[in-house]
Amino acid sequence: MEASMIKPRALRPHSHIGIVGPSSPVDPVDLYAAKSALEAMGYRVTLGEGCVKAYGYLAAVDEIRAADLNRMFNDDGIDAVFCMRGGYGAMRLLDRLDYGAARKNPKPLLGFSDITALHISYGKFSNLVTFHGPMPVGAVKSGGLTAIERDTFDRSLKHVEPVGFLPSASPLFTLREGVAEGMLVGGNLSLVVGLLGTPYELDTAGRILLLEDVGEKGYAIDRMLTQLRLAGKLDDCAGIALGDYSDCGGPMRGHHLPLSQVFIDTLLPCGKPILGGFSIGHCANNVTLPLGVQARLDAGAKTLMIMENAVEG
């Protein structure tokens, strides 16, 4: 029997948010602008030590970035943990994290892209429901949360009722009709594939698999989806939801296969319901949604419904 997932407490007015930098560095100007934006929303904000100690393409050395995450989860005064940005680096922390602390002190963990590594590992070893959505620095750089982003942020993190039908700012398309129910898991395709063969690889059995990516050539998307198929992850899953694939596709040495055809070739053989086009990932109107809760995908009706509450009062 699958272990019961642990739900964090809902965000409240004046909640205390800890910002961590598990991946790439940011301009300090953007970081402090993001901190000010959250404070303007009424939240108290504490920055992790690793947010401002760049180490090449990483926000800080591994020891500091991991310690920040562990400290935030151990600190009873911190109500939520927001990742400042993605990029690269979260995978380097997975064997340094205190999963027991997150299990004993559950709190919302928010981020996407490279943060997929944390979603998977905290979901697997802490049984923690986490949240795939916009991060503070990116939100500030894009001019703030859009209406759909703010709505889904509130419904996912602040309301104890289930999110319900997930909106999308982009048109949805059905690759294969059908209905699937199961726990919603996944995130960035490159990270899901990167964790295969490790203790942190994603369990897709009976689950709805969410996949998105950015800046990958068509053949690279093909290769990663094929690797998931060969690893049995597509046969195991109950259904597939495709998010945004910004700046993906394009020719390989002058030869081109449309990304839509790549999806058809690699995903259809699994015979599962497949619905694509969600504004989830590296796109404008990147919606927030919980991972680790029960969902219902109806590819024919073009709906994805979050059936279970993600936070508790």
C-alpha atoms as a PDB file:
ATOM      1  CA  MET A   1       0.000   0.000   0.000  1.00  0.00           C
ATOM      2  CA  GLU A   2       1.282   3.452  -0.880  1.00  0.00           C
ATOM      3  CA  ALA A   3       2.348   5.586   2.067  1.00  0.00           C
ATOM      4  CA  SER A   4      -0.036   8.374   2.973  1.00  0.00           C
ATOM      5  CA  MET A   5       1.213  11.768   1.811  1.00  0.00           C
ATOM      6  CA  ILE A   6       1.750  14.483   4.402  1.00  0.00           C
ATOM      7  CA  LYS A   7       0.068  17.822   3.779  1.00  0.00           C
ATOM      8  CA  PRO A   8       1.594  21.059   5.027  1.00  0.00           C
ATOM      9  CA  ARG A   9      -0.367  23.827   6.693  1.00  0.00           C
ATOM     10  CA  ALA A  10      -1.957  26.428   4.461  1.00  0.00           C
ATOM     11  CA  LEU A  11      -0.305  29.803   4.087  1.00  0.00           C
ATOM     12  CA  ARG A  12      -1.885  32.401   6.352  1.00  0.00           C
ATOM     13  CA  PRO A  13      -1.688  36.197   6.523  1.00  0.00           C
ATOM     14  CA  HIS A  14       1.772  37.115   7.811  1.00  0.00           C
ATOM     15  CA  SER A  15       3.178  33.606   7.282  1.00  0.00           C
ATOM     16  CA  HIS A  16       6.963  33.440   7.529  1.00  0.00           C
ATOM     17  CA  ILE A  17       8.538  32.376   4.229  1.00  0.00           C
ATOM     18  CA  GLY A  18      12.097  31.093   3.960  1.00  0.00           C
ATOM     19  CA  ILE A  19      13.713  31.638   0.564  1.00  0.00           C
ATOM     20  CA  VAL A  20      16.421  29.172  -0.440  1.00  0.00           C
ATOM     21  CA  GLY A  21      18.745  28.900  -3.433  1.00  0.00           C
ATOM     22  CA  PRO A  22      19.136  25.179  -4.203  1.00  0.00           C
ATOM     23  CA  SER A  23      20.110  25.724  -7.825  1.00  0.00           C
ATOM     24  CA  SER A  24      21.629  28.620  -9.800  1.00  0.00           C
ATOM     25  CA  PRO A  25      22.555  32.119  -8.556  1.00  0.00           C
ATOM     26  CA  VAL A  26      20.602  35.328  -9.123  1.00  0.00           C
ATOM     27  CA  ASP A  27      21.375  39.012  -9.263  1.00  0.00           C
ATOM     28  CA  PRO A  28      21.100  40.276  -5.652  1.00  0.00           C
ATOM     29  CA  VAL A  29      19.037  43.208  -6.931  1.00  0.00           C
ATOM     30  CA  ASP A  30      16.425  40.773  -8.232  1.00  0.00           C
ATOM     31  CA  LEU A  31      16.565  38.719  -5.041  1.00  0.00           C
ATOM     32  CA  TYR A  32      15.870  41.682  -2.760  1.00  0.00           C
ATOM     33  CA  ALA A  33      13.153  42.906  -5.120  1.00  0.00           C
ATOM     34  CA  ALA A  34      11.500  39.476  -4.780  1.00  0.00           C
ATOM     35  CA  LYS A  35      11.827  39.657  -0.994  1.00  0.00           C
ATOM     36  CA  SER A  36      10.191  43.093  -0.998  1.00  0.00           C
ATOM     37  CA  ALA A  37       7.369  41.854  -3.242  1.00  0.00           C
ATOM     38  CA  LEU A  38       6.544  39.031  -0.831  1.00  0.00           C
ATOM     39  CA  GLU A  39       6.679  41.413   2.112  1.00  0.00           C
ATOM     40  CA  ALA A  40       4.293  43.731   0.277  1.00  0.00           C
ATOM     41  CA  MET A  41       1.888  40.765   0.140  1.00  0.00           C
ATOM     42  CA  GLY A  42       2.000  40.653   3.946  1.00  0.00           C
ATOM     43  CA  TYR A  43       4.496  37.832   4.444  1.00  0.00           C
ATOM     44  CA  ARG A  44       7.576  37.853   6.618  1.00  0.00           C
ATOM     45  CA  VAL A  45      10.639  36.721   4.680  1.00  0.00           C
ATOM     46  CA  THR A  46      13.993  35.223   5.645  1.00  0.00           C
ATOM     47  CA  LEU A  47      16.732  34.624   3.071  1.00  0.00           C
ATOM     48  CA  GLY A  48      18.887  31.516   3.253  1.00  0.00           C
ATOM     49  CA  GLU A  49      22.612  32.007   3.527  1.00  0.00           C
ATOM     50  CA  GLY A  50      23.164  30.349   0.159  1.00  0.00           C
ATOM     51  CA  CYS A  51      20.998  32.860  -1.722  1.00  0.00           C
ATOM     52  CA  VAL A  52      23.852  35.364  -1.974  1.00  0.00           C
ATOM     53  CA  LYS A  53      27.051  33.280  -2.129  1.00  0.00           C
ATOM     54  CA  ALA A  54      27.437  32.394  -5.786  1.00  0.00           C
ATOM     55  CA  TYR A  55      29.760  29.507  -6.613  1.00  0.00           C
ATOM     56  CA  GLY A  56      30.125  29.523 -10.375  1.00  0.00           C
ATOM     57  CA  TYR A  57      26.839  28.345 -11.885  1.00  0.00           C
ATOM     58  CA  LEU A  58      25.543  27.437  -8.420  1.00  0.00           C
ATOM     59  CA  ALA A  59      23.951  29.755  -5.859  1.00  0.00           C
ATOM     60  CA  ALA A  60      26.506  28.555  -3.275  1.00  0.00           C
ATOM     61  CA  VAL A  61      28.554  25.466  -2.464  1.00  0.00           C
ATOM     62  CA  ASP A  62      26.574  22.289  -1.880  1.00  0.00           C
ATOM     63  CA  GLU A  63      27.050  22.274   1.898  1.00  0.00           C
ATOM     64  CA  ILE A  64      25.510  25.733   2.310  1.00  0.00           C
ATOM     65  CA  ARG A  65      22.606  25.171  -0.072  1.00  0.00           C
ATOM     66  CA  ALA A  66      21.688  21.860   1.581  1.00  0.00           C
ATOM     67  CA  ALA A  67      22.076  23.332   5.060  1.00  0.00           C
ATOM     68  CA  ASP A  68      19.654  26.117   4.145  1.00  0.00           C
ATOM     69  CA  LEU A  69      16.953  23.626   3.164  1.00  0.00           C
ATOM     70  CA  ASN A  70      17.525  21.544   6.292  1.00  0.00           C
ATOM     71  CA  ARG A  71      17.506  24.631   8.493  1.00  0.00           C
ATOM     72  CA  MET A  72      14.260  25.942   7.003  1.00  0.00           C
ATOM     73  CA  PHE A  73      12.477  22.633   7.581  1.00  0.00           C
ATOM     74  CA  ASN A  74      13.837  22.305  11.116  1.00  0.00           C
ATOM     75  CA  ASP A  75      12.912  25.873  12.077  1.00  0.00           C
ATOM     76  CA  ASP A  76       9.451  25.951  13.681  1.00  0.00           C
ATOM     77  CA  GLY A  77       9.271  29.679  12.929  1.00  0.00           C
ATOM     78  CA  ILE A  78       9.371  29.139   9.155  1.00  0.00           C
ATOM     79  CA  ASP A  79       5.978  28.382   7.598  1.00  0.00           C
ATOM     80  CA  ALA A  80       6.932  27.776   3.955  1.00  0.00           C
ATOM     81  CA  VAL A  81      10.030  27.222   1.811  1.00  0.00           C
ATOM     82  CA  PHE A  82      10.192  28.997  -1.557  1.00  0.00           C
ATOM     83  CA  CYS A  83      13.029  28.352  -4.009  1.00  0.00           C
ATOM     84  CA  MET A  84      14.352  31.605  -5.475  1.00  0.00           C
ATOM     85  CA  ARG A  85      14.955  30.150  -8.972  1.00  0.00           C
ATOM     86  CA  GLY A  86      15.803  26.997 -10.907  1.00  0.00           C
ATOM     87  CA  GLY A  87      18.707  26.524 -13.296  1.00  0.00           C
ATOM     88  CA  TYR A  88      20.964  23.718 -12.105  1.00  0.00           C
ATOM     89  CA  GLY A  89      22.197  22.271  -8.843  1.00  0.00           C
ATOM     90  CA  ALA A  90      19.326  20.714  -6.888  1.00  0.00           C
ATOM     91  CA  MET A  91      20.361  17.154  -7.800  1.00  0.00           C
ATOM     92  CA  ARG A  92      23.708  17.689  -6.052  1.00  0.00           C
ATOM     93  CA  LEU A  93      21.885  18.127  -2.738  1.00  0.00           C
ATOM     94  CA  LEU A  94      19.640  15.076  -2.632  1.00  0.00           C
ATOM     95  CA  ASP A  95      21.898  12.875  -0.503  1.00  0.00           C
ATOM     96  CA  ARG A  96      22.543  15.758   1.918  1.00  0.00           C
ATOM     97  CA  LEU A  97      18.933  16.540   2.819  1.00  0.00           C
ATOM     98  CA  ASP A  98      17.209  15.840   6.139  1.00  0.00           C
ATOM     99  CA  TYR A  99      14.041  14.131   4.956  1.00  0.00           C
ATOM    100  CA  GLY A 100      13.026  13.328   8.507  1.00  0.00           C
ATOM    101  CA  ALA A 101      12.878  17.042   9.307  1.00  0.00           C
ATOM    102  CA  ALA A 102      10.503  17.662   6.411  1.00  0.00           C
ATOM    103  CA  ARG A 103       8.361  14.731   7.529  1.00  0.00           C
ATOM    104  CA  LYS A 104       8.154  16.016  11.107  1.00  0.00           C
ATOM    105  CA  ASN A 105       7.784  19.684  10.175  1.00  0.00           C
ATOM    106  CA  PRO A 106       5.837  19.681   6.905  1.00  0.00           C
ATOM    107  CA  LYS A 107       5.599  23.025   5.131  1.00  0.00           C
ATOM    108  CA  PRO A 108       4.916  24.082   1.541  1.00  0.00           C
ATOM    109  CA  LEU A 109       7.899  23.756  -0.806  1.00  0.00           C
ATOM    110  CA  LEU A 110       7.436  25.856  -3.961  1.00  0.00           C
ATOM    111  CA  GLY A 111       9.352  25.868  -7.232  1.00  0.00           C
ATOM    112  CA  PHE A 112       9.648  24.293 -10.678  1.00  0.00           C
ATOM    113  CA  SER A 113      12.195  23.383 -13.361  1.00  0.00           C
ATOM    114  CA  ASP A 114      15.386  22.225 -11.574  1.00  0.00           C
ATOM    115  CA  ILE A 115      13.334  22.098  -8.356  1.00  0.00           C
ATOM    116  CA  THR A 116      11.722  18.953  -9.785  1.00  0.00           C
ATOM    117  CA  ALA A 117      14.594  17.052  -8.139  1.00  0.00           C
ATOM    118  CA  LEU A 118      13.384  18.303  -4.739  1.00  0.00           C
ATOM    119  CA  HIS A 119       9.731  17.598  -5.522  1.00  0.00           C
ATOM    120  CA  ILE A 120      10.601  14.000  -6.335  1.00  0.00           C
ATOM    121  CA  SER A 121      12.971  13.399  -3.424  1.00  0.00           C
ATOM    122  CA  TYR A 122      10.858  15.068  -0.714  1.00  0.00           C
ATOM    123  CA  GLY A 123       7.806  13.310  -2.116  1.00  0.00           C
ATOM    124  CA  LYS A 124       9.566   9.961  -1.999  1.00  0.00           C
ATOM    125  CA  PHE A 125      11.468  10.154   1.302  1.00  0.00           C
ATOM    126  CA  SER A 126       9.382  12.652   3.304  1.00  0.00           C
ATOM    127  CA  ASN A 127       5.970  11.723   1.827  1.00  0.00           C
ATOM    128  CA  LEU A 128       5.484  15.470   1.488  1.00  0.00           C
ATOM    129  CA  VAL A 129       2.982  17.177  -0.812  1.00  0.00           C
ATOM    130  CA  THR A 130       4.918  19.907  -2.659  1.00  0.00           C
ATOM    131  CA  PHE A 131       4.000  22.682  -5.085  1.00  0.00           C
ATOM    132  CA  HIS A 132       5.022  23.173  -8.710  1.00  0.00           C
ATOM    133  CA  GLY A 133       4.768  26.851  -9.571  1.00  0.00           C
ATOM    134  CA  PRO A 134       6.401  30.262 -10.122  1.00  0.00           C
ATOM    135  CA  MET A 135       9.357  31.278  -7.976  1.00  0.00           C
ATOM    136  CA  PRO A 136       9.922  34.704  -6.390  1.00  0.00           C
ATOM    137  CA  VAL A 137      12.756  36.006  -8.562  1.00  0.00           C
ATOM    138  CA  GLY A 138      11.176  34.916 -11.824  1.00  0.00           C
ATOM    139  CA  ALA A 139       7.839  36.408 -10.812  1.00  0.00           C
ATOM    140  CA  VAL A 140       9.431  39.786 -10.093  1.00  0.00           C
ATOM    141  CA  LYS A 141      11.448  39.782 -13.326  1.00  0.00           C
ATOM    142  CA  SER A 142       8.298  39.086 -15.345  1.00  0.00           C
ATOM    143  CA  GLY A 143       6.384  41.935 -13.705  1.00  0.00           C
ATOM    144  CA  GLY A 144       4.611  40.003 -10.961  1.00  0.00           C
ATOM    145  CA  LEU A 145       2.130  37.150 -10.893  1.00  0.00           C
ATOM    146  CA  THR A 146      -0.549  37.203 -13.575  1.00  0.00           C
ATOM    147  CA  ALA A 147      -4.195  36.756 -12.634  1.00  0.00           C
ATOM    148  CA  ILE A 148      -4.184  33.014 -13.375  1.00  0.00           C
ATOM    149  CA  GLU A 149      -0.896  32.560 -11.521  1.00  0.00           C
ATOM    150  CA  ARG A 150      -2.175  34.358  -8.438  1.00  0.00           C
ATOM    151  CA  ASP A 151      -5.480  32.462  -8.536  1.00  0.00           C
ATOM    152  CA  THR A 152      -3.844  29.031  -8.692  1.00  0.00           C
ATOM    153  CA  PHE A 153      -1.226  30.049  -6.097  1.00  0.00           C
ATOM    154  CA  ASP A 154      -4.035  30.975  -3.703  1.00  0.00           C
ATOM    155  CA  ARG A 155      -6.100  27.882  -4.456  1.00  0.00           C
ATOM    156  CA  SER A 156      -3.124  25.553  -4.054  1.00  0.00           C
ATOM    157  CA  LEU A 157      -1.376  27.064  -1.043  1.00  0.00           C
ATOM    158  CA  LYS A 158      -3.969  29.051   0.904  1.00  0.00           C
ATOM    159  CA  HIS A 159      -7.267  27.173   0.577  1.00  0.00           C
ATOM    160  CA  VAL A 160      -7.995  23.886   2.327  1.00  0.00           C
ATOM    161  CA  GLU A 161     -10.455  22.855  -0.396  1.00  0.00           C
ATOM    162  CA  PRO A 162      -9.227  20.870  -3.426  1.00  0.00           C
ATOM    163  CA  VAL A 163      -7.955  23.023  -6.310  1.00  0.00           C
ATOM    164  CA  GLY A 164     -10.534  21.454  -8.619  1.00  0.00           C
ATOM    165  CA  PHE A 165     -10.246  21.874 -12.374  1.00  0.00           C
ATOM    166  CA  LEU A 166      -6.837  23.208 -13.325  1.00  0.00           C
ATOM    167  CA  PRO A 167      -7.034  26.199 -15.680  1.00  0.00           C
ATOM    168  CA  SER A 168      -4.658  26.724 -18.583  1.00  0.00           C
ATOM    169  CA  ALA A 169      -3.885  29.938 -20.434  1.00  0.00           C
ATOM    170  CA  SER A 170      -2.962  27.978 -23.561  1.00  0.00           C
ATOM    171  CA  PRO A 171      -5.077  25.676 -25.771  1.00  0.00           C
ATOM    172  CA  LEU A 172      -5.166  22.035 -24.724  1.00  0.00           C
ATOM    173  CA  PHE A 173      -4.796  19.135 -27.147  1.00  0.00           C
ATOM    174  CA  THR A 174      -5.713  15.477 -26.815  1.00  0.00           C
ATOM    175  CA  LEU A 175      -3.205  12.895 -28.013  1.00  0.00           C
ATOM    176  CA  ARG A 176      -5.181   9.913 -26.747  1.00  0.00           C
ATOM    177  CA  GLU A 177      -8.643   9.985 -25.191  1.00  0.00           C
ATOM    178  CA  GLY A 178      -9.411   8.275 -21.931  1.00  0.00           C
ATOM    179  CA  VAL A 179      -9.750   8.886 -18.203  1.00  0.00           C
ATOM    180  CA  ALA A 180      -7.089   8.303 -15.583  1.00  0.00           C
ATOM    181  CA  GLU A 181      -7.074   8.812 -11.836  1.00  0.00           C
ATOM    182  CA  GLY A 182      -4.045   8.737  -9.595  1.00  0.00           C
ATOM    183  CA  MET A 183      -1.482  10.759  -7.713  1.00  0.00           C
ATOM    184  CA  LEU A 184      -0.101  13.686  -9.722  1.00  0.00           C
ATOM    185  CA  VAL A 185       3.713  13.516  -9.989  1.00  0.00           C
ATOM    186  CA  GLY A 186       6.517  14.730 -12.224  1.00  0.00           C
ATOM    187  CA  GLY A 187       7.720  18.103 -13.423  1.00  0.00           C
ATOM    188  CA  ASN A 188      10.668  18.890 -15.650  1.00  0.00           C
ATOM    189  CA  LEU A 189      11.389  16.095 -18.141  1.00  0.00           C
ATOM    190  CA  SER A 190      15.177  16.530 -18.007  1.00  0.00           C
ATOM    191  CA  LEU A 191      15.191  16.124 -14.213  1.00  0.00           C
ATOM    192  CA  VAL A 192      12.793  13.171 -14.238  1.00  0.00           C
ATOM    193  CA  VAL A 193      15.105  11.412 -16.694  1.00  0.00           C
ATOM    194  CA  GLY A 194      18.244  12.552 -14.882  1.00  0.00           C
ATOM    195  CA  LEU A 195      17.153  10.743 -11.719  1.00  0.00           C
ATOM    196  CA  LEU A 196      16.556   7.379 -13.420  1.00  0.00           C
ATOM    197  CA  GLY A 197      18.788   4.673 -12.012  1.00  0.00           C
ATOM    198  CA  THR A 198      19.309   6.517  -8.720  1.00  0.00           C
ATOM    199  CA  PRO A 199      17.609   6.017  -5.337  1.00  0.00           C
ATOM    200  CA  TYR A 200      15.654   9.192  -6.137  1.00  0.00           C
ATOM    201  CA  GLU A 201      14.040   8.105  -9.402  1.00  0.00           C
ATOM    202  CA  LEU A 202      10.359   8.872  -9.831  1.00  0.00           C
ATOM    203  CA  ASP A 203       7.774   6.176  -9.169  1.00  0.00           C
ATOM    204  CA  THR A 204       5.084   6.481 -11.856  1.00  0.00           C
ATOM    205  CA  ALA A 205       3.078   3.320 -11.096  1.00  0.00           C
ATOM    206  CA  GLY A 206      -0.633   4.118 -11.214  1.00  0.00           C
ATOM    207  CA  ARG A 207       0.110   7.854 -11.258  1.00  0.00           C
ATOM    208  CA  ILE A 208      -0.592  10.776 -13.555  1.00  0.00           C
ATOM    209  CA  LEU A 209       2.736  11.878 -14.972  1.00  0.00           C
ATOM    210  CA  LEU A 210       3.275  15.612 -15.597  1.00  0.00           C
ATOM    211  CA  LEU A 211       6.122  16.544 -17.962  1.00  0.00           C
ATOM    212  CA  GLU A 212       7.408  19.916 -19.192  1.00  0.00           C
ATOM    213  CA  ASP A 213      10.711  21.278 -20.474  1.00  0.00           C
ATOM    214  CA  VAL A 214      12.479  24.248 -22.027  1.00  0.00           C
ATOM    215  CA  GLY A 215      15.189  24.871 -24.618  1.00  0.00           C
ATOM    216  CA  GLU A 216      15.603  21.256 -25.757  1.00  0.00           C
ATOM    217  CA  LYS A 217      15.961  20.159 -29.377  1.00  0.00           C
ATOM    218  CA  GLY A 218      13.351  17.785 -30.756  1.00  0.00           C
ATOM    219  CA  TYR A 219      15.746  14.851 -30.836  1.00  0.00           C
ATOM    220  CA  ALA A 220      16.628  15.464 -27.163  1.00  0.00           C
ATOM    221  CA  ILE A 221      12.946  15.404 -26.181  1.00  0.00           C
ATOM    222  CA  ASP A 222      12.616  12.227 -28.249  1.00  0.00           C
ATOM    223  CA  ARG A 223      15.608  10.644 -26.505  1.00  0.00           C
ATOM    224  CA  MET A 224      14.365  11.479 -23.009  1.00  0.00           C
ATOM    225  CA  LEU A 225      10.816  10.263 -23.637  1.00  0.00           C
ATOM    226  CA  THR A 226      12.206   7.106 -25.219  1.00  0.00           C
ATOM    227  CA  GLN A 227      14.386   6.562 -22.150  1.00  0.00           C
ATOM    228  CA  LEU A 228      11.289   6.878 -19.936  1.00  0.00           C
ATOM    229  CA  ARG A 229       9.554   4.317 -22.143  1.00  0.00           C
ATOM    230  CA  LEU A 230      12.474   1.900 -22.012  1.00  0.00           C
ATOM    231  CA  ALA A 231      12.627   2.323 -18.234  1.00  0.00           C
ATOM    232  CA  GLY A 232       8.982   1.262 -17.991  1.00  0.00           C
ATOM    233  CA  LYS A 233       7.808   4.599 -16.623  1.00  0.00           C
ATOM    234  CA  LEU A 234       5.264   5.196 -19.399  1.00  0.00           C
ATOM    235  CA  ASP A 235       3.834   1.686 -19.171  1.00  0.00           C
ATOM    236  CA  ASP A 236       3.511   2.062 -15.405  1.00  0.00           C
ATOM    237  CA  CYS A 237       1.744   5.436 -15.332  1.00  0.00           C
ATOM    238  CA  ALA A 238      -2.032   5.900 -15.424  1.00  0.00           C
ATOM    239  CA  GLY A 239      -2.009   8.925 -17.727  1.00  0.00           C
ATOM    240  CA  ILE A 240       0.176  11.766 -18.997  1.00  0.00           C
ATOM    241  CA  ALA A 241      -0.271  15.542 -18.780  1.00  0.00           C
ATOM    242  CA  LEU A 242       2.067  17.652 -20.898  1.00  0.00           C
ATOM    243  CA  GLY A 243       2.979  21.156 -19.805  1.00  0.00           C
ATOM    244  CA  ASP A 244       4.764  23.857 -21.754  1.00  0.00           C
ATOM    245  CA  TYR A 245       7.721  23.113 -24.042  1.00  0.00           C
ATOM    246  CA  SER A 246       9.051  26.626 -24.574  1.00  0.00           C
ATOM    247  CA  ASP A 247      11.798  26.988 -27.164  1.00  0.00           C
ATOM    248  CA  CYS A 248      11.825  23.231 -27.804  1.00  0.00           C
ATOM    249  CA  GLY A 249      12.065  21.435 -31.133  1.00  0.00           C
ATOM    250  CA  GLY A 250      14.023  22.426 -34.192  1.00  0.00           C
ATOM    251  CA  PRO A 251      16.217  20.561 -36.686  1.00  0.00           C
ATOM    252  CA  MET A 252      19.103  18.200 -36.084  1.00  0.00           C
ATOM    253  CA  ARG A 253      21.752  18.789 -38.748  1.00  0.00           C
ATOM    254  CA  GLY A 254      19.117  20.108 -41.104  1.00  0.00           C
ATOM    255  CA  HIS A 255      16.598  17.326 -40.477  1.00  0.00           C
ATOM    256  CA  HIS A 256      13.388  18.188 -38.686  1.00  0.00           C
ATOM    257  CA  LEU A 257      10.610  16.262 -36.962  1.00  0.00           C
ATOM    258  CA  PRO A 258       7.817  18.386 -35.445  1.00  0.00           C
ATOM    259  CA  LEU A 259       7.561  18.165 -31.677  1.00  0.00           C
ATOM    260  CA  SER A 260       3.935  17.091 -32.051  1.00  0.00           C
ATOM    261  CA  GLN A 261       5.106  14.068 -34.043  1.00  0.00           C
ATOM    262  CA  VAL A 262       7.759  13.306 -31.426  1.00  0.00           C
ATOM    263  CA  PHE A 263       4.987  13.123 -28.812  1.00  0.00           C
ATOM    264  CA  ILE A 264       2.917  10.863 -31.063  1.00  0.00           C
ATOM    265  CA  ASP A 265       5.821   8.514 -31.787  1.00  0.00           C
ATOM    266  CA  THR A 266       7.085   8.215 -28.231  1.00  0.00           C
ATOM    267  CA  LEU A 267       3.976   8.523 -26.068  1.00  0.00           C
ATOM    268  CA  LEU A 268       1.059   6.984 -27.963  1.00  0.00           C
ATOM    269  CA  PRO A 269       2.412   3.409 -27.826  1.00  0.00           C
ATOM    270  CA  CYS A 270       1.945   3.379 -24.040  1.00  0.00           C
ATOM    271  CA  GLY A 271      -1.818   3.404 -24.633  1.00  0.00           C
ATOM    272  CA  LYS A 272      -2.571   5.820 -21.794  1.00  0.00           C
ATOM    273  CA  PRO A 273      -4.774   8.966 -21.788  1.00  0.00           C
ATOM    274  CA  ILE A 274      -2.603  11.900 -22.863  1.00  0.00           C
ATOM    275  CA  LEU A 275      -3.561  15.574 -22.645  1.00  0.00           C
ATOM    276  CA  GLY A 276      -1.150  18.369 -23.553  1.00  0.00           C
ATOM    277  CA  GLY A 277      -0.815  22.119 -23.786  1.00  0.00           C
ATOM    278  CA  PHE A 278      -1.075  23.120 -20.124  1.00  0.00           C
ATOM    279  CA  SER A 279       0.512  26.444 -19.185  1.00  0.00           C
ATOM    280  CA  ILE A 280       2.763  24.691 -16.702  1.00  0.00           C
ATOM    281  CA  GLY A 281       6.478  25.372 -16.734  1.00  0.00           C
ATOM    282  CA  HIS A 282       8.680  27.905 -18.513  1.00  0.00           C
ATOM    283  CA  CYS A 283       5.905  30.090 -19.867  1.00  0.00           C
ATOM    284  CA  ALA A 284       3.773  33.090 -19.121  1.00  0.00           C
ATOM    285  CA  ASN A 285       0.839  32.214 -16.864  1.00  0.00           C
ATOM    286  CA  ASN A 286       2.688  29.330 -15.240  1.00  0.00           C
ATOM    287  CA  VAL A 287       0.019  27.893 -12.967  1.00  0.00           C
ATOM    288  CA  THR A 288       0.682  26.550  -9.473  1.00  0.00           C
ATOM    289  CA  LEU A 289      -0.426  23.000  -8.729  1.00  0.00           C
ATOM    290  CA  PRO A 290       0.225  20.489  -5.965  1.00  0.00           C
ATOM    291  CA  LEU A 291       2.221  17.306  -6.515  1.00  0.00           C
ATOM    292  CA  GLY A 292       1.467  14.224  -4.456  1.00  0.00           C
ATOM    293  CA  VAL A 293      -2.326  14.562  -4.408  1.00  0.00           C
ATOM    294  CA  GLN A 294      -5.028  12.617  -6.220  1.00  0.00           C
ATOM    295  CA  ALA A 295      -6.064  13.949  -9.621  1.00  0.00           C
ATOM    296  CA  ARG A 296      -8.344  12.988 -12.484  1.00  0.00           C
ATOM    297  CA  LEU A 297      -7.275  13.404 -16.107  1.00  0.00           C
ATOM    298  CA  ASP A 298      -9.996  13.281 -18.778  1.00  0.00           C
ATOM    299  CA  ALA A 299      -8.113  13.646 -22.041  1.00  0.00           C
ATOM    300  CA  GLY A 300     -11.238  13.553 -24.194  1.00  0.00           C
ATOM    301  CA  ALA A 301     -12.956  16.296 -22.190  1.00  0.00           C
ATOM    302  CA  LYS A 302      -9.617  18.161 -21.916  1.00  0.00           C
ATOM    303  CA  THR A 303      -9.690  18.488 -18.138  1.00  0.00           C
ATOM    304  CA  LEU A 304      -7.296  17.877 -15.261  1.00  0.00           C
ATOM    305  CA  MET A 305      -8.982  18.013 -11.870  1.00  0.00           C
ATOM    306  CA  ILE A 306      -7.153  18.081  -8.542  1.00  0.00           C
ATOM    307  CA  MET A 307      -9.536  16.051  -6.413  1.00  0.00           C
ATOM    308  CA  GLU A 308      -7.765  16.237  -3.051  1.00  0.00           C
ATOM    309  CA  ASN A 309      -6.883  19.124  -0.803  1.00  0.00           C
ATOM    310  CA  ALA A 310      -3.147  19.902  -0.773  1.00  0.00           C
ATOM    311  CA  VAL A 311      -2.912  21.844   2.491  1.00  0.00           C
ATOM    312  CA  GLU A 312      -4.531  21.633   5.903  1.00  0.00           C
ATOM    313  CA  GLY A 313      -5.931  24.420   8.024  1.00  0.00           C
END
